[in-house]
């Protein structure tokens, strides 16, 4: 992983807003890859947190930026400031499992023309979170519509060629992947075996079945032409 083709290539961009609950875990998973030379920098783009999010990010040595709230705009700001040849967009409530960097480094070396997402897993145990994660992965592989929680690893050249993330309040991840697969083909999206372990808070709060149906409804409405602004009001 320390060879010249992968050393200090990756800028990790973490959009955050009142994320103190899991941000430390998220950033801790990046420490060893940074020490090993794969991760060049971590940029936490704060959307106006009122908790300890900026202080936690600073404590891990991350570059802390501010931007108006909204993941699309926050990730755009982080990508513009990034100095790495590759970008890893990572949600603040998602933790990459130990060993992820080795697989990411191999992907960077072998597939510079592609983008990659991780395998989704929830931080809750039981049948329901397992089934939802399995369904999400089936959707990812068959329909090429991964969740933003699965992170995104992409070269900065390819990211910029596709126009970057749109500054929209919801569905910025779906919009970007649609442009990727439309312009570069379905095979341009690779699925890594390493897991992205994300928070199940919304599912446990709303109920797994209700949340799945809600997500599917919002996605369907988006594909039918509903505005991201209207969808965002119904997402929370």
C-alpha atoms as a PDB file:
ATOM      1  CA  UNK A   1       0.000   0.000   0.000  1.00  0.00           C
ATOM      2  CA  UNK A   2       2.949   2.320   0.413  1.00  0.00           C
ATOM      3  CA  UNK A   3       4.143   2.160  -3.196  1.00  0.00           C
ATOM      4  CA  UNK A   4       4.496   5.295  -5.292  1.00  0.00           C
ATOM      5  CA  UNK A   5       1.240   4.633  -7.140  1.00  0.00           C
ATOM      6  CA  UNK A   6      -0.896   4.893  -3.993  1.00  0.00           C
ATOM      7  CA  UNK A   7       1.104   7.016  -1.528  1.00  0.00           C
ATOM      8  CA  UNK A   8      -0.744  10.068  -0.194  1.00  0.00           C
ATOM      9  CA  UNK A   9      -3.329  10.000  -2.954  1.00  0.00           C
ATOM     10  CA  UNK A  10      -6.642  10.265  -1.152  1.00  0.00           C
ATOM     11  CA  UNK A  11      -8.404  13.327   0.192  1.00  0.00           C
ATOM     12  CA  UNK A  12     -11.279  12.246   2.431  1.00  0.00           C
ATOM     13  CA  UNK A  13     -14.216  14.663   2.388  1.00  0.00           C
ATOM     14  CA  UNK A  14     -16.662  14.378   5.300  1.00  0.00           C
ATOM     15  CA  UNK A  15     -19.790  16.573   5.243  1.00  0.00           C
ATOM     16  CA  UNK A  16     -21.015  17.049   8.793  1.00  0.00           C
ATOM     17  CA  UNK A  17     -23.793  18.721  10.736  1.00  0.00           C
ATOM     18  CA  UNK A  18     -24.221  18.087  14.463  1.00  0.00           C
ATOM     19  CA  UNK A  19     -22.387  14.790  13.985  1.00  0.00           C
ATOM     20  CA  UNK A  20     -20.617  14.464  17.319  1.00  0.00           C
ATOM     21  CA  UNK A  21     -22.269  11.112  18.060  1.00  0.00           C
ATOM     22  CA  UNK A  22     -20.274   9.070  15.515  1.00  0.00           C
ATOM     23  CA  UNK A  23     -17.751  11.470  14.011  1.00  0.00           C
ATOM     24  CA  UNK A  24     -14.909  10.310  16.246  1.00  0.00           C
ATOM     25  CA  UNK A  25     -15.436   6.698  15.129  1.00  0.00           C
ATOM     26  CA  UNK A  26     -15.614   7.805  11.512  1.00  0.00           C
ATOM     27  CA  UNK A  27     -12.335   9.696  11.731  1.00  0.00           C
ATOM     28  CA  UNK A  28     -10.580   7.068  13.838  1.00  0.00           C
ATOM     29  CA  UNK A  29     -10.913   4.574  10.962  1.00  0.00           C
ATOM     30  CA  UNK A  30      -8.848   6.972   8.821  1.00  0.00           C
ATOM     31  CA  UNK A  31      -5.886   7.329  11.189  1.00  0.00           C
ATOM     32  CA  UNK A  32      -3.939   4.206  10.246  1.00  0.00           C
ATOM     33  CA  UNK A  33      -4.367   4.744   6.477  1.00  0.00           C
ATOM     34  CA  UNK A  34      -3.112   8.303   6.990  1.00  0.00           C
ATOM     35  CA  UNK A  35      -0.059   7.079   8.887  1.00  0.00           C
ATOM     36  CA  UNK A  36       0.548   4.440   6.194  1.00  0.00           C
ATOM     37  CA  UNK A  37       0.502   7.098   3.489  1.00  0.00           C
ATOM     38  CA  UNK A  38      -2.706   6.346   1.589  1.00  0.00           C
ATOM     39  CA  UNK A  39      -4.783   9.189   3.026  1.00  0.00           C
ATOM     40  CA  UNK A  40      -3.275  12.573   2.248  1.00  0.00           C
ATOM     41  CA  UNK A  41      -5.768  14.666   4.215  1.00  0.00           C
ATOM     42  CA  UNK A  42      -9.167  14.615   5.854  1.00  0.00           C
ATOM     43  CA  UNK A  43     -11.464  17.561   5.195  1.00  0.00           C
ATOM     44  CA  UNK A  44     -14.505  17.938   7.436  1.00  0.00           C
ATOM     45  CA  UNK A  45     -16.965  20.391   5.898  1.00  0.00           C
ATOM     46  CA  UNK A  46     -19.223  21.619   8.674  1.00  0.00           C
ATOM     47  CA  UNK A  47     -22.673  22.902   7.832  1.00  0.00           C
ATOM     48  CA  UNK A  48     -23.118  25.022  10.953  1.00  0.00           C
ATOM     49  CA  UNK A  49     -23.036  22.542  13.819  1.00  0.00           C
ATOM     50  CA  UNK A  50     -24.123  23.647  17.271  1.00  0.00           C
ATOM     51  CA  UNK A  51     -22.496  20.673  18.999  1.00  0.00           C
ATOM     52  CA  UNK A  52     -18.837  19.611  19.300  1.00  0.00           C
ATOM     53  CA  UNK A  53     -18.447  18.497  15.676  1.00  0.00           C
ATOM     54  CA  UNK A  54     -15.775  21.094  14.699  1.00  0.00           C
ATOM     55  CA  UNK A  55     -13.779  20.489  17.878  1.00  0.00           C
ATOM     56  CA  UNK A  56     -13.806  16.718  17.375  1.00  0.00           C
ATOM     57  CA  UNK A  57     -12.647  17.112  13.772  1.00  0.00           C
ATOM     58  CA  UNK A  58      -9.882  19.477  14.807  1.00  0.00           C
ATOM     59  CA  UNK A  59      -8.781  17.070  17.511  1.00  0.00           C
ATOM     60  CA  UNK A  60      -8.160  14.410  14.862  1.00  0.00           C
ATOM     61  CA  UNK A  61      -6.069  16.798  12.801  1.00  0.00           C
ATOM     62  CA  UNK A  62      -8.665  17.225  10.068  1.00  0.00           C
ATOM     63  CA  UNK A  63      -8.973  20.396   8.022  1.00  0.00           C
ATOM     64  CA  UNK A  64     -12.209  22.007   9.130  1.00  0.00           C
ATOM     65  CA  UNK A  65     -14.151  24.074   6.610  1.00  0.00           C
ATOM     66  CA  UNK A  66     -17.580  25.652   6.806  1.00  0.00           C
ATOM     67  CA  UNK A  67     -20.264  25.729   4.143  1.00  0.00           C
ATOM     68  CA  UNK A  68     -24.041  26.218   4.061  1.00  0.00           C
ATOM     69  CA  UNK A  69     -25.871  23.062   5.208  1.00  0.00           C
ATOM     70  CA  UNK A  70     -26.622  20.507   2.515  1.00  0.00           C
ATOM     71  CA  UNK A  71     -24.449  17.495   1.684  1.00  0.00           C
ATOM     72  CA  UNK A  72     -24.207  18.295  -2.027  1.00  0.00           C
ATOM     73  CA  UNK A  73     -22.846  21.774  -1.443  1.00  0.00           C
ATOM     74  CA  UNK A  74     -20.666  20.697   1.466  1.00  0.00           C
ATOM     75  CA  UNK A  75     -19.045  17.918  -0.565  1.00  0.00           C
ATOM     76  CA  UNK A  76     -18.557  20.262  -3.502  1.00  0.00           C
ATOM     77  CA  UNK A  77     -16.724  22.712  -1.240  1.00  0.00           C
ATOM     78  CA  UNK A  78     -14.552  19.967   0.205  1.00  0.00           C
ATOM     79  CA  UNK A  79     -13.680  18.559  -3.209  1.00  0.00           C
ATOM     80  CA  UNK A  80     -12.689  22.007  -4.474  1.00  0.00           C
ATOM     81  CA  UNK A  81     -10.248  22.384  -1.581  1.00  0.00           C
ATOM     82  CA  UNK A  82      -8.864  18.835  -1.817  1.00  0.00           C
ATOM     83  CA  UNK A  83      -5.221  18.316  -2.782  1.00  0.00           C
ATOM     84  CA  UNK A  84      -5.285  14.568  -3.362  1.00  0.00           C
ATOM     85  CA  UNK A  85      -5.497  12.858  -6.736  1.00  0.00           C
ATOM     86  CA  UNK A  86      -8.375  10.754  -5.399  1.00  0.00           C
ATOM     87  CA  UNK A  87     -11.456  11.720  -3.402  1.00  0.00           C
ATOM     88  CA  UNK A  88     -13.255   9.653  -0.791  1.00  0.00           C
ATOM     89  CA  UNK A  89     -16.649  11.082   0.143  1.00  0.00           C
ATOM     90  CA  UNK A  90     -17.647   9.701   3.518  1.00  0.00           C
ATOM     91  CA  UNK A  91     -20.682  10.479   5.667  1.00  0.00           C
ATOM     92  CA  UNK A  92     -19.955  11.489   9.237  1.00  0.00           C
ATOM     93  CA  UNK A  93     -22.090   8.672  10.680  1.00  0.00           C
ATOM     94  CA  UNK A  94     -20.342   5.964   8.628  1.00  0.00           C
ATOM     95  CA  UNK A  95     -17.321   3.978   9.781  1.00  0.00           C
ATOM     96  CA  UNK A  96     -15.141   2.061   7.306  1.00  0.00           C
ATOM     97  CA  UNK A  97     -14.213  -1.356   8.634  1.00  0.00           C
ATOM     98  CA  UNK A  98     -10.641  -2.220   9.573  1.00  0.00           C
ATOM     99  CA  UNK A  99      -8.573  -3.165   6.519  1.00  0.00           C
ATOM    100  CA  UNK A 100     -10.561  -1.050   4.070  1.00  0.00           C
ATOM    101  CA  UNK A 101      -7.483   0.831   2.927  1.00  0.00           C
ATOM    102  CA  UNK A 102      -5.791  -2.216   1.393  1.00  0.00           C
ATOM    103  CA  UNK A 103      -8.720  -2.909  -0.897  1.00  0.00           C
ATOM    104  CA  UNK A 104      -9.080   0.782  -1.729  1.00  0.00           C
ATOM    105  CA  UNK A 105      -5.392   1.019  -2.636  1.00  0.00           C
ATOM    106  CA  UNK A 106      -5.679  -2.001  -4.934  1.00  0.00           C
ATOM    107  CA  UNK A 107      -8.718  -0.444  -6.610  1.00  0.00           C
ATOM    108  CA  UNK A 108      -6.885   2.840  -7.160  1.00  0.00           C
ATOM    109  CA  UNK A 109      -3.983   1.001  -8.758  1.00  0.00           C
ATOM    110  CA  UNK A 110      -6.060  -1.280 -10.987  1.00  0.00           C
ATOM    111  CA  UNK A 111      -9.123   0.822 -11.892  1.00  0.00           C
ATOM    112  CA  UNK A 112      -8.199   4.490 -12.267  1.00  0.00           C
ATOM    113  CA  UNK A 113     -11.044   4.964 -14.746  1.00  0.00           C
ATOM    114  CA  UNK A 114     -13.767   3.759 -12.367  1.00  0.00           C
ATOM    115  CA  UNK A 115     -15.475   4.821  -9.139  1.00  0.00           C
ATOM    116  CA  UNK A 116     -16.133   2.561  -6.159  1.00  0.00           C
ATOM    117  CA  UNK A 117     -18.582   2.279  -3.292  1.00  0.00           C
ATOM    118  CA  UNK A 118     -18.364   0.093  -0.206  1.00  0.00           C
ATOM    119  CA  UNK A 119     -20.594  -2.749   0.990  1.00  0.00           C
ATOM    120  CA  UNK A 120     -23.319  -1.432   3.277  1.00  0.00           C
ATOM    121  CA  UNK A 121     -23.761  -2.663   6.828  1.00  0.00           C
ATOM    122  CA  UNK A 122     -25.708  -1.160   9.721  1.00  0.00           C
ATOM    123  CA  UNK A 123     -24.412  -0.703  13.251  1.00  0.00           C
ATOM    124  CA  UNK A 124     -27.390  -2.651  14.600  1.00  0.00           C
ATOM    125  CA  UNK A 125     -27.701  -6.426  14.858  1.00  0.00           C
ATOM    126  CA  UNK A 126     -30.667  -8.593  13.983  1.00  0.00           C
ATOM    127  CA  UNK A 127     -32.661  -9.829  11.019  1.00  0.00           C
ATOM    128  CA  UNK A 128     -34.175  -6.491   9.982  1.00  0.00           C
ATOM    129  CA  UNK A 129     -30.943  -4.497   9.541  1.00  0.00           C
ATOM    130  CA  UNK A 130     -29.367  -7.470   7.779  1.00  0.00           C
ATOM    131  CA  UNK A 131     -32.238  -7.735   5.320  1.00  0.00           C
ATOM    132  CA  UNK A 132     -32.290  -4.004   4.630  1.00  0.00           C
ATOM    133  CA  UNK A 133     -28.537  -3.976   3.999  1.00  0.00           C
ATOM    134  CA  UNK A 134     -28.851  -7.001   1.692  1.00  0.00           C
ATOM    135  CA  UNK A 135     -31.611  -5.255  -0.221  1.00  0.00           C
ATOM    136  CA  UNK A 136     -29.507  -2.126  -0.540  1.00  0.00           C
ATOM    137  CA  UNK A 137     -26.620  -4.138  -1.939  1.00  0.00           C
ATOM    138  CA  UNK A 138     -28.905  -5.873  -4.447  1.00  0.00           C
ATOM    139  CA  UNK A 139     -30.091  -2.436  -5.538  1.00  0.00           C
ATOM    140  CA  UNK A 140     -26.493  -1.272  -5.809  1.00  0.00           C
ATOM    141  CA  UNK A 141     -25.385  -4.174  -7.985  1.00  0.00           C
ATOM    142  CA  UNK A 142     -28.470  -4.508 -10.171  1.00  0.00           C
ATOM    143  CA  UNK A 143     -29.727  -0.938 -10.496  1.00  0.00           C
ATOM    144  CA  UNK A 144     -26.481   0.977  -9.827  1.00  0.00           C
ATOM    145  CA  UNK A 145     -28.142   3.179  -7.235  1.00  0.00           C
ATOM    146  CA  UNK A 146     -26.058   2.926  -4.053  1.00  0.00           C
ATOM    147  CA  UNK A 147     -26.809   4.875  -0.912  1.00  0.00           C
ATOM    148  CA  UNK A 148     -24.592   7.815  -0.040  1.00  0.00           C
ATOM    149  CA  UNK A 149     -23.885   5.920   3.190  1.00  0.00           C
ATOM    150  CA  UNK A 150     -21.758   3.513   1.117  1.00  0.00           C
ATOM    151  CA  UNK A 151     -19.201   6.297   0.535  1.00  0.00           C
ATOM    152  CA  UNK A 152     -17.670   7.023  -2.858  1.00  0.00           C
ATOM    153  CA  UNK A 153     -14.043   6.631  -3.980  1.00  0.00           C
ATOM    154  CA  UNK A 154     -13.260   8.372  -7.257  1.00  0.00           C
ATOM    155  CA  UNK A 155     -10.325  10.086  -8.938  1.00  0.00           C
ATOM    156  CA  UNK A 156     -10.500  13.847  -8.880  1.00  0.00           C
ATOM    157  CA  UNK A 157     -10.074  13.911 -12.659  1.00  0.00           C
ATOM    158  CA  UNK A 158     -13.145  11.722 -13.186  1.00  0.00           C
ATOM    159  CA  UNK A 159     -15.127  13.562 -10.515  1.00  0.00           C
ATOM    160  CA  UNK A 160     -14.510  16.905 -12.189  1.00  0.00           C
ATOM    161  CA  UNK A 161     -15.152  15.510 -15.678  1.00  0.00           C
ATOM    162  CA  UNK A 162     -18.616  14.455 -14.500  1.00  0.00           C
ATOM    163  CA  UNK A 163     -19.327  17.910 -13.108  1.00  0.00           C
ATOM    164  CA  UNK A 164     -19.089  17.044  -9.413  1.00  0.00           C
ATOM    165  CA  UNK A 165     -21.934  16.872  -6.941  1.00  0.00           C
ATOM    166  CA  UNK A 166     -24.901  19.110  -7.557  1.00  0.00           C
ATOM    167  CA  UNK A 167     -25.777  21.570  -4.792  1.00  0.00           C
ATOM    168  CA  UNK A 168     -29.176  20.044  -4.026  1.00  0.00           C
ATOM    169  CA  UNK A 169     -30.826  19.275  -0.658  1.00  0.00           C
ATOM    170  CA  UNK A 170     -31.374  15.570  -1.377  1.00  0.00           C
ATOM    171  CA  UNK A 171     -30.508  12.916  -3.978  1.00  0.00           C
ATOM    172  CA  UNK A 172     -27.111  14.422  -4.771  1.00  0.00           C
ATOM    173  CA  UNK A 173     -25.638  10.912  -4.561  1.00  0.00           C
ATOM    174  CA  UNK A 174     -28.211   9.398  -6.932  1.00  0.00           C
ATOM    175  CA  UNK A 175     -27.806  12.295  -9.358  1.00  0.00           C
ATOM    176  CA  UNK A 176     -24.036  11.899  -9.462  1.00  0.00           C
ATOM    177  CA  UNK A 177     -24.039   8.115  -9.905  1.00  0.00           C
ATOM    178  CA  UNK A 178     -26.611   8.431 -12.703  1.00  0.00           C
ATOM    179  CA  UNK A 179     -24.258  10.774 -14.537  1.00  0.00           C
ATOM    180  CA  UNK A 180     -21.360   8.384 -13.952  1.00  0.00           C
ATOM    181  CA  UNK A 181     -23.133   5.326 -15.345  1.00  0.00           C
ATOM    182  CA  UNK A 182     -24.777   7.266 -18.180  1.00  0.00           C
ATOM    183  CA  UNK A 183     -21.487   8.700 -19.423  1.00  0.00           C
ATOM    184  CA  UNK A 184     -19.112   5.867 -18.568  1.00  0.00           C
ATOM    185  CA  UNK A 185     -21.363   2.801 -18.494  1.00  0.00           C
ATOM    186  CA  UNK A 186     -22.635   0.570 -15.696  1.00  0.00           C
ATOM    187  CA  UNK A 187     -19.255  -1.106 -15.287  1.00  0.00           C
ATOM    188  CA  UNK A 188     -17.752   2.222 -14.217  1.00  0.00           C
ATOM    189  CA  UNK A 189     -19.198   1.635 -10.735  1.00  0.00           C
ATOM    190  CA  UNK A 190     -17.295  -0.958  -8.712  1.00  0.00           C
ATOM    191  CA  UNK A 191     -18.427  -2.427  -5.392  1.00  0.00           C
ATOM    192  CA  UNK A 192     -15.719  -3.012  -2.794  1.00  0.00           C
ATOM    193  CA  UNK A 193     -16.055  -5.906  -0.348  1.00  0.00           C
ATOM    194  CA  UNK A 194     -14.926  -3.757   2.580  1.00  0.00           C
ATOM    195  CA  UNK A 195     -17.878  -2.634   4.657  1.00  0.00           C
ATOM    196  CA  UNK A 196     -19.133   0.844   5.367  1.00  0.00           C
ATOM    197  CA  UNK A 197     -20.893   0.529   8.716  1.00  0.00           C
ATOM    198  CA  UNK A 198     -23.510   3.227   8.991  1.00  0.00           C
ATOM    199  CA  UNK A 199     -25.984   4.364  11.626  1.00  0.00           C
ATOM    200  CA  UNK A 200     -29.345   2.599  11.799  1.00  0.00           C
ATOM    201  CA  UNK A 201     -30.835   5.449  13.841  1.00  0.00           C
ATOM    202  CA  UNK A 202     -33.470   6.501  11.316  1.00  0.00           C
ATOM    203  CA  UNK A 203     -34.564   2.902  10.730  1.00  0.00           C
ATOM    204  CA  UNK A 204     -34.855   2.146  14.423  1.00  0.00           C
ATOM    205  CA  UNK A 205     -36.703   5.389  15.043  1.00  0.00           C
ATOM    206  CA  UNK A 206     -39.217   4.959  12.204  1.00  0.00           C
ATOM    207  CA  UNK A 207     -39.312   1.161  11.976  1.00  0.00           C
ATOM    208  CA  UNK A 208     -37.349  -0.724   9.341  1.00  0.00           C
ATOM    209  CA  UNK A 209     -40.243  -1.521   7.008  1.00  0.00           C
ATOM    210  CA  UNK A 210     -41.688   1.976   7.226  1.00  0.00           C
ATOM    211  CA  UNK A 211     -38.304   3.552   6.533  1.00  0.00           C
ATOM    212  CA  UNK A 212     -37.593   1.270   3.566  1.00  0.00           C
ATOM    213  CA  UNK A 213     -40.969   2.086   2.035  1.00  0.00           C
ATOM    214  CA  UNK A 214     -40.405   5.782   2.658  1.00  0.00           C
ATOM    215  CA  UNK A 215     -37.009   5.671   0.951  1.00  0.00           C
ATOM    216  CA  UNK A 216     -38.398   3.772  -2.023  1.00  0.00           C
ATOM    217  CA  UNK A 217     -41.255   6.249  -2.346  1.00  0.00           C
ATOM    218  CA  UNK A 218     -38.888   9.207  -2.311  1.00  0.00           C
ATOM    219  CA  UNK A 219     -36.576   7.557  -4.849  1.00  0.00           C
ATOM    220  CA  UNK A 220     -39.522   6.768  -7.143  1.00  0.00           C
ATOM    221  CA  UNK A 221     -40.828  10.311  -6.890  1.00  0.00           C
ATOM    222  CA  UNK A 222     -37.360  11.606  -7.769  1.00  0.00           C
ATOM    223  CA  UNK A 223     -37.176   9.426 -10.876  1.00  0.00           C
ATOM    224  CA  UNK A 224     -40.658  10.663 -11.835  1.00  0.00           C
ATOM    225  CA  UNK A 225     -39.467  14.260 -11.691  1.00  0.00           C
ATOM    226  CA  UNK A 226     -40.206  15.533  -8.185  1.00  0.00           C
ATOM    227  CA  UNK A 227     -37.883  18.307  -7.086  1.00  0.00           C
ATOM    228  CA  UNK A 228     -35.156  17.559  -4.502  1.00  0.00           C
ATOM    229  CA  UNK A 229     -36.452  20.506  -2.478  1.00  0.00           C
ATOM    230  CA  UNK A 230     -39.910  18.927  -2.161  1.00  0.00           C
ATOM    231  CA  UNK A 231     -38.451  15.507  -1.404  1.00  0.00           C
ATOM    232  CA  UNK A 232     -36.164  16.888   1.298  1.00  0.00           C
ATOM    233  CA  UNK A 233     -39.171  18.080   3.304  1.00  0.00           C
ATOM    234  CA  UNK A 234     -40.490  14.514   3.460  1.00  0.00           C
ATOM    235  CA  UNK A 235     -37.181  12.766   4.086  1.00  0.00           C
ATOM    236  CA  UNK A 236     -36.481  13.563   7.737  1.00  0.00           C
END
